[in-house]
PDB file of all heavy atoms in Angstrom:
ATOM      1  N   ILE A   1     -22.077  11.306  51.972  1.00  0.00           N
ATOM      2  CA  ILE A   1     -21.928  10.924  50.560  1.00  0.00           C
ATOM      3  C   ILE A   1     -23.002   9.880  50.227  1.00  0.00           C
ATOM      4  O   ILE A   1     -23.185   8.917  50.970  1.00  0.00           O
ATOM      5  CB  ILE A   1     -20.518  10.347  50.286  1.00  0.00           C
ATOM      6  CG1 ILE A   1     -19.438  11.383  50.663  1.00  0.00           C
ATOM      7  CG2 ILE A   1     -20.363   9.942  48.824  1.00  0.00           C
ATOM      8  CD1 ILE A   1     -18.036  10.827  50.734  1.00  0.00           C
ATOM      9  N   VAL A   2     -23.687  10.087  49.120  1.00  0.00           N
ATOM     10  CA  VAL A   2     -24.735   9.139  48.709  1.00  0.00           C
ATOM     11  C   VAL A   2     -24.513   8.730  47.258  1.00  0.00           C
ATOM     12  O   VAL A   2     -23.769   9.385  46.518  1.00  0.00           O
ATOM     13  CB  VAL A   2     -26.153   9.757  48.858  1.00  0.00           C
ATOM     14  CG1 VAL A   2     -26.492  10.014  50.306  1.00  0.00           C
ATOM     15  CG2 VAL A   2     -26.275  11.036  48.034  1.00  0.00           C
ATOM     16  N   GLU A   3     -25.141   7.632  46.877  1.00  0.00           N
ATOM     17  CA  GLU A   3     -25.052   7.172  45.483  1.00  0.00           C
ATOM     18  C   GLU A   3     -25.586   8.257  44.546  1.00  0.00           C
ATOM     19  O   GLU A   3     -26.610   8.890  44.818  1.00  0.00           O
ATOM     20  CB  GLU A   3     -25.862   5.884  45.300  1.00  0.00           C
ATOM     21  CG  GLU A   3     -25.242   4.688  45.995  1.00  0.00           C
ATOM     22  CD  GLU A   3     -26.099   3.445  45.891  1.00  0.00           C
ATOM     23  OE1 GLU A   3     -26.991   3.420  45.026  1.00  0.00           O
ATOM     24  OE2 GLU A   3     -25.877   2.510  46.679  1.00  0.00           O
ATOM     25  N   GLY A   4     -24.874   8.484  43.448  1.00  0.00           N
ATOM     26  CA  GLY A   4     -25.274   9.506  42.493  1.00  0.00           C
ATOM     27  C   GLY A   4     -24.526  10.815  42.666  1.00  0.00           C
ATOM     28  O   GLY A   4     -24.596  11.696  41.797  1.00  0.00           O
ATOM     29  N   ASP A   5     -23.805  10.982  43.792  1.00  0.00           N
ATOM     30  CA  ASP A   5     -23.006  12.201  43.995  1.00  0.00           C
ATOM     31  C   ASP A   5     -21.901  12.291  42.947  1.00  0.00           C
ATOM     32  O   ASP A   5     -21.386  11.271  42.473  1.00  0.00           O
ATOM     33  CB  ASP A   5     -22.363  12.204  45.391  1.00  0.00           C
ATOM     34  CG  ASP A   5     -23.330  12.668  46.465  1.00  0.00           C
ATOM     35  OD1 ASP A   5     -24.491  12.967  46.119  1.00  0.00           O
ATOM     36  OD2 ASP A   5     -22.924  12.721  47.644  1.00  0.00           O
ATOM     37  N   LYS A   6     -21.530  13.537  42.610  1.00  0.00           N
ATOM     38  CA  LYS A   6     -20.446  13.738  41.653  1.00  0.00           C
ATOM     39  C   LYS A   6     -19.091  13.667  42.355  1.00  0.00           C
ATOM     40  O   LYS A   6     -18.965  14.021  43.523  1.00  0.00           O
ATOM     41  CB  LYS A   6     -20.597  15.095  40.968  1.00  0.00           C
ATOM     42  CG  LYS A   6     -21.762  15.174  39.998  1.00  0.00           C
ATOM     43  CD  LYS A   6     -21.824  16.531  39.338  1.00  0.00           C
ATOM     44  CE  LYS A   6     -23.006  16.591  38.366  1.00  0.00           C
ATOM     45  NZ  LYS A   6     -23.109  17.921  37.735  1.00  0.00           N
ATOM     46  N   VAL A   7     -18.082  13.201  41.604  1.00  0.00           N
ATOM     47  CA  VAL A   7     -16.701  13.103  42.103  1.00  0.00           C
ATOM     48  C   VAL A   7     -15.790  13.724  41.054  1.00  0.00           C
ATOM     49  O   VAL A   7     -15.993  13.523  39.850  1.00  0.00           O
ATOM     50  CB  VAL A   7     -16.283  11.628  42.321  1.00  0.00           C
ATOM     51  CG1 VAL A   7     -14.971  11.553  43.066  1.00  0.00           C
ATOM     52  CG2 VAL A   7     -17.354  10.871  43.073  1.00  0.00           C
ATOM     53  N   PHE A   8     -14.782  14.477  41.504  1.00  0.00           N
ATOM     54  CA  PHE A   8     -13.901  15.172  40.572  1.00  0.00           C
ATOM     55  C   PHE A   8     -12.444  14.762  40.773  1.00  0.00           C
ATOM     56  O   PHE A   8     -12.003  14.530  41.903  1.00  0.00           O
ATOM     57  CB  PHE A   8     -14.022  16.689  40.760  1.00  0.00           C
ATOM     58  CG  PHE A   8     -15.431  17.188  40.714  1.00  0.00           C
ATOM     59  CD1 PHE A   8     -16.123  17.488  41.885  1.00  0.00           C
ATOM     60  CD2 PHE A   8     -16.086  17.335  39.504  1.00  0.00           C
ATOM     61  CE1 PHE A   8     -17.431  17.931  41.845  1.00  0.00           C
ATOM     62  CE2 PHE A   8     -17.390  17.783  39.447  1.00  0.00           C
ATOM     63  CZ  PHE A   8     -18.067  18.079  40.626  1.00  0.00           C
ATOM     64  N   ARG A   9     -11.720  14.699  39.667  1.00  0.00           N
ATOM     65  CA  ARG A   9     -10.272  14.438  39.724  1.00  0.00           C
ATOM     66  C   ARG A   9      -9.529  15.695  40.174  1.00  0.00           C
ATOM     67  O   ARG A   9      -9.949  16.810  39.898  1.00  0.00           O
ATOM     68  CB  ARG A   9      -9.747  14.028  38.350  1.00  0.00           C
ATOM     69  CG  ARG A   9     -10.055  12.612  37.934  1.00  0.00           C
ATOM     70  CD  ARG A   9      -9.316  12.268  36.653  1.00  0.00           C
ATOM     71  NE  ARG A   9      -7.868  12.315  36.839  1.00  0.00           N
ATOM     72  CZ  ARG A   9      -6.979  12.251  35.844  1.00  0.00           C
ATOM     73  NH1 ARG A   9      -7.399  12.167  34.598  1.00  0.00           N
ATOM     74  NH2 ARG A   9      -5.696  12.292  36.090  1.00  0.00           N
ATOM     75  N   THR A  10      -8.381  15.488  40.836  1.00  0.00           N
ATOM     76  CA  THR A  10      -7.519  16.631  41.197  1.00  0.00           C
ATOM     77  C   THR A  10      -6.210  16.608  40.409  1.00  0.00           C
ATOM     78  O   THR A  10      -5.546  17.626  40.288  1.00  0.00           O
ATOM     79  CB  THR A  10      -7.165  16.611  42.696  1.00  0.00           C
ATOM     80  OG1 THR A  10      -6.384  15.432  42.975  1.00  0.00           O
ATOM     81  CG2 THR A  10      -8.412  16.624  43.557  1.00  0.00           C
ATOM     82  N   GLY A  11      -5.840  15.420  39.918  1.00  0.00           N
ATOM     83  CA  GLY A  11      -4.561  15.293  39.225  1.00  0.00           C
ATOM     84  C   GLY A  11      -3.377  15.222  40.168  1.00  0.00           C
ATOM     85  O   GLY A  11      -2.228  15.111  39.745  1.00  0.00           O
ATOM     86  N   LYS A  12      -3.639  15.265  41.497  1.00  0.00           N
ATOM     87  CA  LYS A  12      -2.551  15.241  42.497  1.00  0.00           C
ATOM     88  C   LYS A  12      -2.487  13.881  43.177  1.00  0.00           C
ATOM     89  O   LYS A  12      -3.516  13.240  43.408  1.00  0.00           O
ATOM     90  CB  LYS A  12      -2.794  16.297  43.577  1.00  0.00           C
ATOM     91  CG  LYS A  12      -2.641  17.730  43.112  1.00  0.00           C
ATOM     92  CD  LYS A  12      -2.868  18.663  44.305  1.00  0.00           C
ATOM     93  CE  LYS A  12      -2.723  20.118  43.907  1.00  0.00           C
ATOM     94  NZ  LYS A  12      -3.003  21.024  45.043  1.00  0.00           N
ATOM     95  N   THR A  13      -1.272  13.454  43.511  1.00  0.00           N
ATOM     96  CA  THR A  13      -1.120  12.255  44.339  1.00  0.00           C
ATOM     97  C   THR A  13      -1.182  12.686  45.803  1.00  0.00           C
ATOM     98  O   THR A  13      -1.014  13.867  46.103  1.00  0.00           O
ATOM     99  CB  THR A  13       0.227  11.549  44.072  1.00  0.00           C
ATOM    100  OG1 THR A  13       1.276  12.498  44.269  1.00  0.00           O
ATOM    101  CG2 THR A  13       0.289  11.002  42.660  1.00  0.00           C
ATOM    102  N   ALA A  14      -1.414  11.730  46.685  1.00  0.00           N
ATOM    103  CA  ALA A  14      -1.518  12.056  48.112  1.00  0.00           C
ATOM    104  C   ALA A  14      -0.192  12.614  48.604  1.00  0.00           C
ATOM    105  O   ALA A  14       0.877  12.077  48.291  1.00  0.00           O
ATOM    106  CB  ALA A  14      -1.887  10.803  48.895  1.00  0.00           C
ATOM    107  N   GLY A  15      -0.270  13.682  49.370  1.00  0.00           N
ATOM    108  CA  GLY A  15       0.943  14.300  49.905  1.00  0.00           C
ATOM    109  C   GLY A  15       0.665  14.922  51.259  1.00  0.00           C
ATOM    110  O   GLY A  15      -0.467  14.907  51.748  1.00  0.00           O
ATOM    111  N   ILE A  16       1.706  15.469  51.861  1.00  0.00           N
ATOM    112  CA  ILE A  16       1.575  16.059  53.195  1.00  0.00           C
ATOM    113  C   ILE A  16       2.373  17.360  53.246  1.00  0.00           C
ATOM    114  O   ILE A  16       3.497  17.428  52.732  1.00  0.00           O
ATOM    115  CB  ILE A  16       2.046  15.049  54.279  1.00  0.00           C
ATOM    116  CG1 ILE A  16       1.705  15.551  55.682  1.00  0.00           C
ATOM    117  CG2 ILE A  16       3.513  14.697  54.162  1.00  0.00           C
ATOM    118  CD1 ILE A  16       1.761  14.464  56.748  1.00  0.00           C
ATOM    119  N   PRO A  17       1.798  18.425  53.829  1.00  0.00           N
ATOM    120  CA  PRO A  17       2.550  19.679  53.950  1.00  0.00           C
ATOM    121  C   PRO A  17       3.641  19.552  55.010  1.00  0.00           C
ATOM    122  O   PRO A  17       3.395  18.983  56.077  1.00  0.00           O
ATOM    123  CB  PRO A  17       1.474  20.689  54.380  1.00  0.00           C
ATOM    124  CG  PRO A  17       0.382  19.882  54.975  1.00  0.00           C
ATOM    125  CD  PRO A  17       0.434  18.530  54.354  1.00  0.00           C
ATOM    126  N   VAL A  18       4.838  20.052  54.697  1.00  0.00           N
ATOM    127  CA  VAL A  18       5.972  19.909  55.621  1.00  0.00           C
ATOM    128  C   VAL A  18       6.693  21.240  55.800  1.00  0.00           C
ATOM    129  O   VAL A  18       6.726  22.066  54.891  1.00  0.00           O
ATOM    130  CB  VAL A  18       6.978  18.841  55.123  1.00  0.00           C
ATOM    131  CG1 VAL A  18       6.433  17.447  55.281  1.00  0.00           C
ATOM    132  CG2 VAL A  18       7.369  19.089  53.666  1.00  0.00           C
ATOM    133  N   SER A  19       7.265  21.424  56.989  1.00  0.00           N
ATOM    134  CA  SER A  19       8.099  22.598  57.276  1.00  0.00           C
ATOM    135  C   SER A  19       8.746  22.403  58.638  1.00  0.00           C
ATOM    136  O   SER A  19       8.387  21.471  59.381  1.00  0.00           O
ATOM    137  CB  SER A  19       7.269  23.880  57.278  1.00  0.00           C
ATOM    138  OG  SER A  19       6.458  23.938  58.429  1.00  0.00           O
ATOM    139  N   ASP A  20       9.674  23.275  58.992  1.00  0.00           N
ATOM    140  CA  ASP A  20      10.305  23.214  60.321  1.00  0.00           C
ATOM    141  C   ASP A  20       9.288  23.420  61.430  1.00  0.00           C
ATOM    142  O   ASP A  20       9.486  22.965  62.559  1.00  0.00           O
ATOM    143  CB  ASP A  20      11.406  24.280  60.430  1.00  0.00           C
ATOM    144  CG  ASP A  20      12.674  23.874  59.685  1.00  0.00           C
ATOM    145  OD1 ASP A  20      12.922  22.656  59.591  1.00  0.00           O
ATOM    146  OD2 ASP A  20      13.406  24.745  59.188  1.00  0.00           O
ATOM    147  N   ALA A  21       8.190  24.120  61.107  1.00  0.00           N
ATOM    148  CA  ALA A  21       7.174  24.439  62.118  1.00  0.00           C
ATOM    149  C   ALA A  21       6.441  23.201  62.629  1.00  0.00           C
ATOM    150  O   ALA A  21       5.747  23.269  63.646  1.00  0.00           O
ATOM    151  CB  ALA A  21       6.169  25.438  61.540  1.00  0.00           C
ATOM    152  N   ILE A  22       6.599  22.072  61.940  1.00  0.00           N
ATOM    153  CA  ILE A  22       5.891  20.850  62.354  1.00  0.00           C
ATOM    154  C   ILE A  22       6.564  20.185  63.561  1.00  0.00           C
ATOM    155  O   ILE A  22       5.961  19.362  64.239  1.00  0.00           O
ATOM    156  CB  ILE A  22       5.785  19.860  61.157  1.00  0.00           C
ATOM    157  CG1 ILE A  22       4.606  18.896  61.353  1.00  0.00           C
ATOM    158  CG2 ILE A  22       7.093  19.097  60.930  1.00  0.00           C
ATOM    159  CD1 ILE A  22       4.254  18.088  60.136  1.00  0.00           C
ATOM    160  N   ILE A  23       7.833  20.562  63.843  1.00  0.00           N
ATOM    161  CA  ILE A  23       8.549  19.985  64.993  1.00  0.00           C
ATOM    162  C   ILE A  23       7.856  20.414  66.285  1.00  0.00           C
ATOM    163  O   ILE A  23       7.530  21.586  66.483  1.00  0.00           O
ATOM    164  CB  ILE A  23      10.028  20.423  65.006  1.00  0.00           C
ATOM    165  CG1 ILE A  23      10.748  19.885  63.765  1.00  0.00           C
ATOM    166  CG2 ILE A  23      10.736  19.929  66.264  1.00  0.00           C
ATOM    167  CD1 ILE A  23      12.163  20.382  63.591  1.00  0.00           C
ATOM    168  N   GLY A  24       7.614  19.438  67.153  1.00  0.00           N
ATOM    169  CA  GLY A  24       6.944  19.707  68.426  1.00  0.00           C
ATOM    170  C   GLY A  24       5.432  19.631  68.348  1.00  0.00           C
ATOM    171  O   GLY A  24       4.746  19.907  69.337  1.00  0.00           O
ATOM    172  N   ARG A  25       4.896  19.237  67.184  1.00  0.00           N
ATOM    173  CA  ARG A  25       3.448  19.230  66.989  1.00  0.00           C
ATOM    174  C   ARG A  25       2.895  17.809  66.879  1.00  0.00           C
ATOM    175  O   ARG A  25       3.638  16.858  66.629  1.00  0.00           O
ATOM    176  CB  ARG A  25       3.091  20.011  65.712  1.00  0.00           C
ATOM    177  CG  ARG A  25       3.546  21.453  65.688  1.00  0.00           C
ATOM    178  CD  ARG A  25       2.895  22.295  66.782  1.00  0.00           C
ATOM    179  NE  ARG A  25       1.449  22.342  66.657  1.00  0.00           N
ATOM    180  CZ  ARG A  25       0.792  23.248  65.917  1.00  0.00           C
ATOM    181  NH1 ARG A  25       1.451  24.200  65.278  1.00  0.00           N
ATOM    182  NH2 ARG A  25      -0.533  23.231  65.867  1.00  0.00           N
ATOM    183  N   VAL A  26       1.576  17.716  67.044  1.00  0.00           N
ATOM    184  CA  VAL A  26       0.850  16.456  66.831  1.00  0.00           C
ATOM    185  C   VAL A  26      -0.063  16.673  65.637  1.00  0.00           C
ATOM    186  O   VAL A  26      -0.885  17.603  65.638  1.00  0.00           O
ATOM    187  CB  VAL A  26       0.018  16.064  68.070  1.00  0.00           C
ATOM    188  CG1 VAL A  26      -0.644  14.698  67.860  1.00  0.00           C
ATOM    189  CG2 VAL A  26       0.891  16.036  69.321  1.00  0.00           C
ATOM    190  N   VAL A  27       0.095  15.843  64.613  1.00  0.00           N
ATOM    191  CA  VAL A  27      -0.704  15.994  63.393  1.00  0.00           C
ATOM    192  C   VAL A  27      -1.395  14.672  63.059  1.00  0.00           C
ATOM    193  O   VAL A  27      -0.992  13.614  63.547  1.00  0.00           O
ATOM    194  CB  VAL A  27       0.164  16.447  62.185  1.00  0.00           C
ATOM    195  CG1 VAL A  27       0.777  17.810  62.445  1.00  0.00           C
ATOM    196  CG2 VAL A  27       1.257  15.418  61.856  1.00  0.00           C
ATOM    197  N   ASP A  28      -2.432  14.758  62.198  1.00  0.00           N
ATOM    198  CA  ASP A  28      -3.062  13.523  61.744  1.00  0.00           C
ATOM    199  C   ASP A  28      -2.369  13.036  60.477  1.00  0.00           C
ATOM    200  O   ASP A  28      -1.366  13.610  60.044  1.00  0.00           O
ATOM    201  CB  ASP A  28      -4.572  13.721  61.541  1.00  0.00           C
ATOM    202  CG  ASP A  28      -4.916  14.657  60.376  1.00  0.00           C
ATOM    203  OD1 ASP A  28      -3.986  15.060  59.638  1.00  0.00           O
ATOM    204  OD2 ASP A  28      -6.103  14.974  60.203  1.00  0.00           O
ATOM    205  N   ALA A  29      -2.914  11.987  59.864  1.00  0.00           N
ATOM    206  CA  ALA A  29      -2.245  11.362  58.712  1.00  0.00           C
ATOM    207  C   ALA A  29      -2.223  12.258  57.483  1.00  0.00           C
ATOM    208  O   ALA A  29      -1.482  11.995  56.540  1.00  0.00           O
ATOM    209  CB  ALA A  29      -2.922  10.031  58.388  1.00  0.00           C
ATOM    210  N   LEU A  30      -3.030  13.333  57.495  1.00  0.00           N
ATOM    211  CA  LEU A  30      -3.046  14.262  56.361  1.00  0.00           C
ATOM    212  C   LEU A  30      -2.219  15.515  56.641  1.00  0.00           C
ATOM    213  O   LEU A  30      -2.201  16.450  55.849  1.00  0.00           O
ATOM    214  CB  LEU A  30      -4.493  14.665  56.027  1.00  0.00           C
ATOM    215  CG  LEU A  30      -5.433  13.521  55.625  1.00  0.00           C
ATOM    216  CD1 LEU A  30      -6.854  14.040  55.458  1.00  0.00           C
ATOM    217  CD2 LEU A  30      -4.961  12.838  54.355  1.00  0.00           C
ATOM    218  N   GLY A  31      -1.565  15.536  57.809  1.00  0.00           N
ATOM    219  CA  GLY A  31      -0.726  16.688  58.160  1.00  0.00           C
ATOM    220  C   GLY A  31      -1.473  17.798  58.851  1.00  0.00           C
ATOM    221  O   GLY A  31      -0.909  18.867  59.105  1.00  0.00           O
ATOM    222  N   GLU A  32      -2.765  17.573  59.172  1.00  0.00           N
ATOM    223  CA  GLU A  32      -3.563  18.603  59.854  1.00  0.00           C
ATOM    224  C   GLU A  32      -3.244  18.569  61.359  1.00  0.00           C
ATOM    225  O   GLU A  32      -3.258  17.501  61.967  1.00  0.00           O
ATOM    226  CB  GLU A  32      -5.056  18.347  59.651  1.00  0.00           C
ATOM    227  CG  GLU A  32      -5.511  18.393  58.201  1.00  0.00           C
ATOM    228  CD  GLU A  32      -5.435  19.792  57.622  1.00  0.00           C
ATOM    229  OE1 GLU A  32      -5.623  20.760  58.384  1.00  0.00           O
ATOM    230  OE2 GLU A  32      -5.164  19.906  56.406  1.00  0.00           O
ATOM    231  N   PRO A  33      -2.981  19.736  61.981  1.00  0.00           N
ATOM    232  CA  PRO A  33      -2.668  19.738  63.420  1.00  0.00           C
ATOM    233  C   PRO A  33      -3.871  19.323  64.255  1.00  0.00           C
ATOM    234  O   PRO A  33      -4.996  19.747  63.975  1.00  0.00           O
ATOM    235  CB  PRO A  33      -2.269  21.185  63.705  1.00  0.00           C
ATOM    236  CG  PRO A  33      -2.837  21.989  62.582  1.00  0.00           C
ATOM    237  CD  PRO A  33      -2.905  21.081  61.394  1.00  0.00           C
ATOM    238  N   ILE A  34      -3.645  18.493  65.268  1.00  0.00           N
ATOM    239  CA  ILE A  34      -4.745  18.040  66.139  1.00  0.00           C
ATOM    240  C   ILE A  34      -4.413  18.299  67.612  1.00  0.00           C
ATOM    241  O   ILE A  34      -4.997  17.697  68.496  1.00  0.00           O
ATOM    242  CB  ILE A  34      -5.067  16.545  65.907  1.00  0.00           C
ATOM    243  CG1 ILE A  34      -3.799  15.668  66.037  1.00  0.00           C
ATOM    244  CG2 ILE A  34      -5.720  16.319  64.560  1.00  0.00           C
ATOM    245  CD1 ILE A  34      -4.063  14.184  65.989  1.00  0.00           C
ATOM    246  N   ASP A  35      -3.448  19.207  67.853  1.00  0.00           N
ATOM    247  CA  ASP A  35      -3.040  19.491  69.230  1.00  0.00           C
ATOM    248  C   ASP A  35      -3.582  20.823  69.740  1.00  0.00           C
ATOM    249  O   ASP A  35      -3.226  21.271  70.834  1.00  0.00           O
ATOM    250  CB  ASP A  35      -1.511  19.465  69.355  1.00  0.00           C
ATOM    251  CG  ASP A  35      -0.825  20.364  68.342  1.00  0.00           C
ATOM    252  OD1 ASP A  35      -1.522  21.108  67.626  1.00  0.00           O
ATOM    253  OD2 ASP A  35       0.429  20.329  68.268  1.00  0.00           O
ATOM    254  N   GLY A  36      -4.417  21.489  68.926  1.00  0.00           N
ATOM    255  CA  GLY A  36      -5.029  22.740  69.361  1.00  0.00           C
ATOM    256  C   GLY A  36      -4.080  23.924  69.439  1.00  0.00           C
ATOM    257  O   GLY A  36      -4.365  24.914  70.112  1.00  0.00           O
TER     258      GLY A  36
END
C-alpha cells in the first residue's frame, strides 16, 4: 500500500464466519483456518 492508493467503503462492520465446522480447528483473528 502506498500514498495515493484508493480505498473503498464496504458498509460492513468487522465480523467472523461461524459454524459447527469450526470446532476442532485453529483459526486466525479473521476466522481464516491456519491448521492446513
